[in-house]
Protein backbone atom coordinates (compact mmCIF):
# COMPACT_ATOMS: atom_id res chain seq x y z
CA UNK A 1 -37.51 -195.06 59.73
CA UNK A 2 -33.91 -195.82 58.82
CA UNK A 3 -34.87 -199.07 57.25
CA UNK A 4 -37.72 -197.37 55.58
CA UNK A 5 -34.74 -194.90 53.47
CA UNK A 6 -32.79 -197.98 53.11
CA UNK A 7 -35.44 -200.09 50.98
CA UNK A 8 -36.42 -196.84 48.97
CA UNK A 9 -33.12 -196.47 47.85
CA UNK A 10 -32.78 -200.08 47.03
CA UNK A 11 -36.15 -199.84 44.84
CA UNK A 12 -34.82 -196.24 43.21
CA UNK A 13 -31.76 -198.48 42.10
CA UNK A 14 -33.55 -201.47 40.89
CA UNK A 15 -35.62 -199.00 38.69
CA UNK A 16 -32.11 -197.21 37.62
CA UNK A 17 -30.76 -200.32 36.78
CA UNK A 18 -33.87 -202.10 35.04
CA UNK A 19 -34.08 -198.52 32.81
CA UNK A 20 -30.70 -198.95 31.64
CA UNK A 21 -31.35 -202.74 30.81
CA UNK A 22 -34.33 -201.38 29.12
CA UNK A 23 -32.49 -199.16 27.20
CA UNK A 24 -29.43 -201.27 26.16
CA UNK A 25 -31.88 -203.94 24.99
CA UNK A 26 -33.83 -201.04 22.58
CA UNK A 27 -30.59 -199.93 21.11
CA UNK A 28 -29.40 -203.76 20.00
CA UNK A 29 -32.81 -204.21 18.60
CA UNK A 30 -32.55 -200.99 16.51
CA UNK A 31 -29.07 -202.29 15.43
CA UNK A 32 -30.24 -205.52 14.39
CA UNK A 33 -33.21 -203.86 12.51
CA UNK A 34 -30.67 -201.48 10.92
CA UNK A 35 -28.65 -204.71 9.78
CA UNK A 36 -31.39 -206.37 8.48
CA UNK A 37 -32.92 -203.90 6.81
CA UNK A 38 -29.92 -203.53 4.45
CA UNK A 39 -28.89 -200.12 2.98
CA UNK A 40 -32.51 -199.00 3.01
CA UNK A 41 -33.52 -198.15 6.34
CA UNK A 42 -32.23 -194.84 8.47
CA UNK A 43 -33.91 -194.13 11.68
CA UNK A 44 -34.75 -191.05 12.95
CA UNK A 45 -37.06 -191.12 16.49
CA UNK A 46 -37.25 -195.27 15.93
CA UNK A 47 -39.16 -194.21 12.92
CA UNK A 48 -37.59 -195.92 9.44
CA UNK A 49 -36.87 -193.46 6.92
CA UNK A 50 -36.32 -195.51 3.42
CA UNK A 51 -33.54 -193.93 1.14
CA UNK A 52 -32.55 -194.85 -2.47
CA UNK A 53 -28.84 -195.06 -3.35
CA UNK A 54 -27.30 -191.61 -3.47
CA UNK A 55 -23.52 -192.65 -3.38
CA UNK A 56 -20.82 -195.42 -2.46
CA UNK A 57 -17.98 -195.75 0.24
CA UNK A 58 -15.34 -196.68 -1.62
CA UNK A 59 -11.33 -196.15 -1.37
CA UNK A 60 -10.40 -196.81 -4.67
CA UNK A 61 -11.77 -193.83 -6.46
CA UNK A 62 -14.24 -195.78 -8.47
CA UNK A 63 -17.42 -193.27 -9.61
CA UNK A 64 -20.18 -193.29 -12.19
CA UNK A 65 -21.38 -191.36 -14.61
CA UNK A 66 -25.35 -191.32 -15.06
CA UNK A 67 -27.91 -189.94 -17.87
CA UNK A 68 -31.54 -189.41 -17.56
CA UNK A 69 -33.35 -189.96 -20.75
CA UNK A 70 -36.70 -188.37 -21.34
CA UNK A 71 -36.52 -185.87 -24.05
CA UNK A 72 -34.94 -186.13 -27.54
CA UNK A 73 -31.94 -187.77 -28.81
CA UNK A 74 -30.20 -184.73 -30.48
CA UNK A 75 -27.08 -184.83 -28.68
CA UNK A 76 -26.96 -188.44 -27.17
CA UNK A 77 -24.57 -189.45 -30.39
CA UNK A 78 -21.98 -186.97 -29.42
CA UNK A 79 -22.54 -188.17 -25.47
CA UNK A 80 -21.64 -191.54 -27.05
CA UNK A 81 -18.87 -190.56 -28.82
CA UNK A 82 -17.15 -188.65 -25.82
CA UNK A 83 -17.84 -191.76 -23.75
CA UNK A 84 -16.06 -193.80 -26.34
CA UNK A 85 -13.32 -191.84 -27.22
CA UNK A 86 -12.55 -191.58 -23.06
CA UNK A 87 -13.38 -195.70 -23.10
CA UNK A 88 -15.97 -195.01 -20.12
CA UNK A 89 -18.97 -196.98 -19.94
CA UNK A 90 -21.87 -195.10 -18.12
CA UNK A 91 -25.70 -195.89 -17.02
CA UNK A 92 -28.21 -194.34 -19.01
CA UNK A 93 -31.82 -194.00 -17.18
CA UNK A 94 -35.04 -194.40 -19.75
CA UNK A 95 -38.70 -193.54 -19.67
CA UNK A 96 -41.06 -195.97 -21.38
CA UNK A 97 -42.44 -193.19 -23.91
CA UNK A 98 -38.57 -192.38 -25.01
CA UNK A 99 -37.62 -196.05 -25.21
CA UNK A 100 -40.38 -196.80 -27.43
CA UNK A 101 -39.96 -193.57 -29.64
CA UNK A 102 -36.20 -194.05 -29.95
CA UNK A 103 -35.48 -198.05 -30.17
CA UNK A 104 -32.82 -197.64 -32.45
CA UNK A 105 -30.78 -195.30 -29.62
CA UNK A 106 -31.57 -198.04 -26.96
CA UNK A 107 -29.97 -200.34 -29.14
CA UNK A 108 -27.21 -197.93 -29.60
CA UNK A 109 -26.59 -197.13 -26.13
CA UNK A 110 -26.83 -200.93 -25.27
CA UNK A 111 -24.40 -202.07 -27.68
CA UNK A 112 -21.80 -199.18 -26.44
CA UNK A 113 -21.21 -201.47 -23.70
CA UNK A 114 -23.38 -199.11 -21.30
CA UNK A 115 -25.69 -199.85 -18.55
CA UNK A 116 -29.67 -199.41 -19.14
CA UNK A 117 -32.12 -198.61 -16.40
CA UNK A 118 -35.50 -197.30 -15.92
CA UNK A 119 -36.73 -194.16 -15.23
CA UNK A 120 -40.56 -195.04 -15.11
CA UNK A 121 -42.97 -195.41 -17.47
CA UNK A 122 -44.38 -191.63 -17.48
CA UNK A 123 -41.79 -189.09 -15.77
CA UNK A 124 -44.34 -188.36 -13.50
CA UNK A 125 -44.28 -187.42 -9.53
CA UNK A 126 -43.82 -191.01 -8.15
CA UNK A 127 -44.74 -190.65 -4.50
CA UNK A 128 -48.02 -189.70 -5.65
CA UNK A 129 -48.85 -193.47 -6.67
CA UNK A 130 -49.75 -195.78 -4.75
CA UNK A 131 -47.91 -199.08 -4.72
CA UNK A 132 -49.94 -200.52 -7.57
CA UNK A 133 -49.42 -197.55 -9.74
CA UNK A 134 -45.60 -198.09 -9.17
CA UNK A 135 -45.38 -201.68 -9.82
CA UNK A 136 -46.86 -200.85 -13.46
CA UNK A 137 -44.71 -197.89 -14.06
CA UNK A 138 -41.25 -200.17 -12.92
CA UNK A 139 -42.97 -203.42 -14.97
CA UNK A 140 -43.97 -201.97 -18.24
CA UNK A 141 -40.99 -199.42 -18.34
CA UNK A 142 -38.50 -202.68 -17.62
CA UNK A 143 -40.11 -204.58 -20.35
CA UNK A 144 -40.00 -202.12 -23.35
CA UNK A 145 -36.55 -202.03 -22.50
CA UNK A 146 -36.12 -205.49 -21.99
CA UNK A 147 -37.70 -206.21 -25.47
CA UNK A 148 -34.94 -204.25 -27.53
CA UNK A 149 -31.70 -205.48 -25.43
CA UNK A 150 -32.45 -209.02 -24.04
CA UNK A 151 -31.56 -207.65 -20.37
CA UNK A 152 -33.08 -207.68 -17.45
CA UNK A 153 -33.34 -204.25 -15.86
CA UNK A 154 -32.34 -204.19 -11.95
CA UNK A 155 -31.60 -199.90 -11.89
CA UNK A 156 -34.33 -197.29 -11.01
CA UNK A 157 -34.04 -194.22 -11.03
CA UNK A 158 -37.20 -191.77 -9.85
CA UNK A 159 -38.40 -188.79 -11.87
CA UNK A 160 -36.95 -185.56 -10.15
CA UNK A 161 -35.76 -187.50 -7.97
CA UNK A 162 -38.72 -187.92 -5.95
CA UNK A 163 -39.43 -190.91 -3.96
CA UNK A 164 -41.31 -191.60 -0.77
CA UNK A 165 -41.05 -194.67 1.42
CA UNK A 166 -43.78 -196.81 -0.87
CA UNK A 167 -41.79 -196.09 -3.74
CA UNK A 168 -38.40 -197.54 -2.03
CA UNK A 169 -40.08 -200.31 -0.91
CA UNK A 170 -42.08 -201.58 -3.78
CA UNK A 171 -39.03 -201.24 -5.90
CA UNK A 172 -37.15 -203.09 -3.54
CA UNK A 173 -39.71 -205.82 -3.81
CA UNK A 174 -39.36 -206.22 -7.16
CA UNK A 175 -35.80 -206.38 -7.14
CA UNK A 176 -34.78 -203.02 -8.19
CA UNK A 177 -31.83 -200.74 -6.75
CA UNK A 178 -33.26 -197.43 -6.40
CA UNK A 179 -30.32 -194.57 -7.79
CA UNK A 180 -30.39 -191.05 -6.55
CA UNK A 181 -26.95 -189.09 -7.06
CA UNK A 182 -24.68 -186.79 -5.17
CA UNK A 183 -23.21 -184.45 -7.87
CA UNK A 184 -25.53 -182.77 -9.98
CA UNK A 185 -24.10 -181.32 -13.19
CA UNK A 186 -27.08 -179.03 -13.87
CA UNK A 187 -26.63 -179.46 -17.45
CA UNK A 188 -30.52 -179.26 -17.89
CA UNK A 189 -30.21 -175.71 -17.00
CA UNK A 190 -28.44 -175.13 -20.04
CA UNK A 191 -25.01 -174.09 -18.09
CA UNK A 192 -22.18 -173.57 -20.40
CA UNK A 193 -19.50 -177.09 -20.69
CA UNK A 194 -17.01 -175.08 -18.48
CA UNK A 195 -19.29 -174.59 -15.75
CA UNK A 196 -21.21 -177.95 -16.08
CA UNK A 197 -17.65 -179.26 -15.88
CA UNK A 198 -16.62 -177.33 -12.80
CA UNK A 199 -19.62 -178.38 -11.43
CA UNK A 200 -19.00 -182.29 -11.72
CA UNK A 201 -15.10 -181.94 -11.12
CA UNK A 202 -15.46 -179.88 -7.66
CA UNK A 203 -17.97 -182.09 -6.11
CA UNK A 204 -16.75 -185.71 -7.03
CA UNK A 205 -15.35 -188.08 -4.67
CA UNK A 206 -14.93 -191.63 -4.63
CA UNK A 207 -17.93 -193.69 -4.98
CA UNK A 208 -20.09 -190.45 -6.45
CA UNK A 209 -23.13 -191.16 -8.89
CA UNK A 210 -22.74 -188.21 -11.33
CA UNK A 211 -26.22 -187.15 -12.75
CA UNK A 212 -26.35 -185.79 -16.32
CA UNK A 213 -29.03 -185.96 -19.14
CA UNK A 214 -28.87 -187.13 -22.50
CA UNK A 215 -30.29 -184.22 -24.32
CA UNK A 216 -28.55 -181.22 -22.57
CA UNK A 217 -27.58 -178.65 -24.91
CA UNK A 218 -23.78 -178.51 -23.71
CA UNK A 219 -23.68 -182.07 -21.46
CA UNK A 220 -22.00 -183.77 -24.81
CA UNK A 221 -19.44 -180.65 -24.88
CA UNK A 222 -18.79 -180.80 -21.02
CA UNK A 223 -18.27 -184.73 -21.05
CA UNK A 224 -14.34 -184.90 -22.69
CA UNK A 225 -13.50 -182.02 -19.83
CA UNK A 226 -15.15 -183.98 -17.55
CA UNK A 227 -14.07 -187.31 -17.95
CA UNK A 228 -10.37 -186.59 -18.89
CA UNK A 229 -9.80 -184.59 -16.07
CA UNK A 230 -10.88 -187.11 -13.55
CA UNK A 231 -9.43 -189.80 -14.78
CA UNK A 232 -6.01 -187.81 -14.77
CA UNK A 233 -6.54 -187.34 -11.08
CA UNK A 234 -6.85 -191.16 -10.98
CA UNK A 235 -11.03 -191.72 -11.06
CA UNK A 236 -12.12 -194.96 -12.62
CA UNK A 237 -15.72 -194.95 -14.35
CA UNK A 238 -18.10 -197.86 -13.82
CA UNK A 239 -21.84 -198.45 -14.58
CA UNK A 240 -23.61 -197.91 -11.53
CA UNK A 241 -24.41 -201.45 -11.01
CA UNK A 242 -20.86 -202.30 -10.60
CA UNK A 243 -20.51 -199.13 -8.13
CA UNK A 244 -23.00 -200.46 -5.96
CA UNK A 245 -22.99 -203.31 -2.93
CA UNK A 246 -25.63 -205.77 -3.22
CA UNK A 247 -25.20 -207.29 -0.37
CA UNK A 248 -23.55 -206.59 3.47
CA UNK A 249 -23.66 -203.26 3.56
CA UNK A 250 -25.48 -200.31 5.56
CA UNK A 251 -26.72 -196.86 4.48
CA UNK A 252 -25.92 -193.70 6.16
CA UNK A 253 -28.46 -191.15 6.95
CA UNK A 254 -27.18 -188.94 3.72
CA UNK A 255 -27.33 -192.31 1.43
CA UNK A 256 -24.00 -193.48 1.14
CA UNK A 257 -23.95 -197.19 0.97
CA UNK A 258 -20.94 -198.66 3.40
CA UNK A 259 -19.76 -201.87 3.31
CA UNK A 260 -20.60 -203.93 6.46
CA UNK A 261 -17.20 -204.61 8.79
């Protein structure tokens, strides 16, 4: 009886050891997978969820202000004037039909030193599209911009902030960095200039990406307050393409890029 019990204990101990070894191996595999999938893979219950870039982990108080261009241009000159006065270069995401309707503003924005990315071709909910439809949205919209500026488009923002794994994966395969935001000005709701400014100023942190719109009713009016207040607090503005990491980084579950250590 004693020998049987001893043998049973040995078997149980061996099973415990094997279980621990398997668990450690699984953790190692997941860590390697997260490392090699770069910024996009975040694991939940062993399933990857693909994410756009919401913000960037930085200690130098560098941030980006961005504008989505889909409707009208009535306030765009005032926005460009405010950016020039504050010596700030921003990133503009343009829908294809906007690009084709206002080519002179595409040129004007490009010549101001600002950066341009695509905001899709038709401003649709792109999570409802298949890979082929997504490719068409991205390539035709980028070609419309490139034809005017002569510069390659490498940044993409999904309309409505709507995305799924297929969208992020397809965009990455085409060479695009998909950009979201972590500070929403809500300027499209026609808030007052002071309300827009306070929303932005109170939410910004180093590495933030600020969402605004080129045709918000009080966006241009709010910009001098935002830009000068944040500059006085030690922040520096750069286009998104200069904010994000291109390699040797990982992604938090909230879409914040971090440099690999």
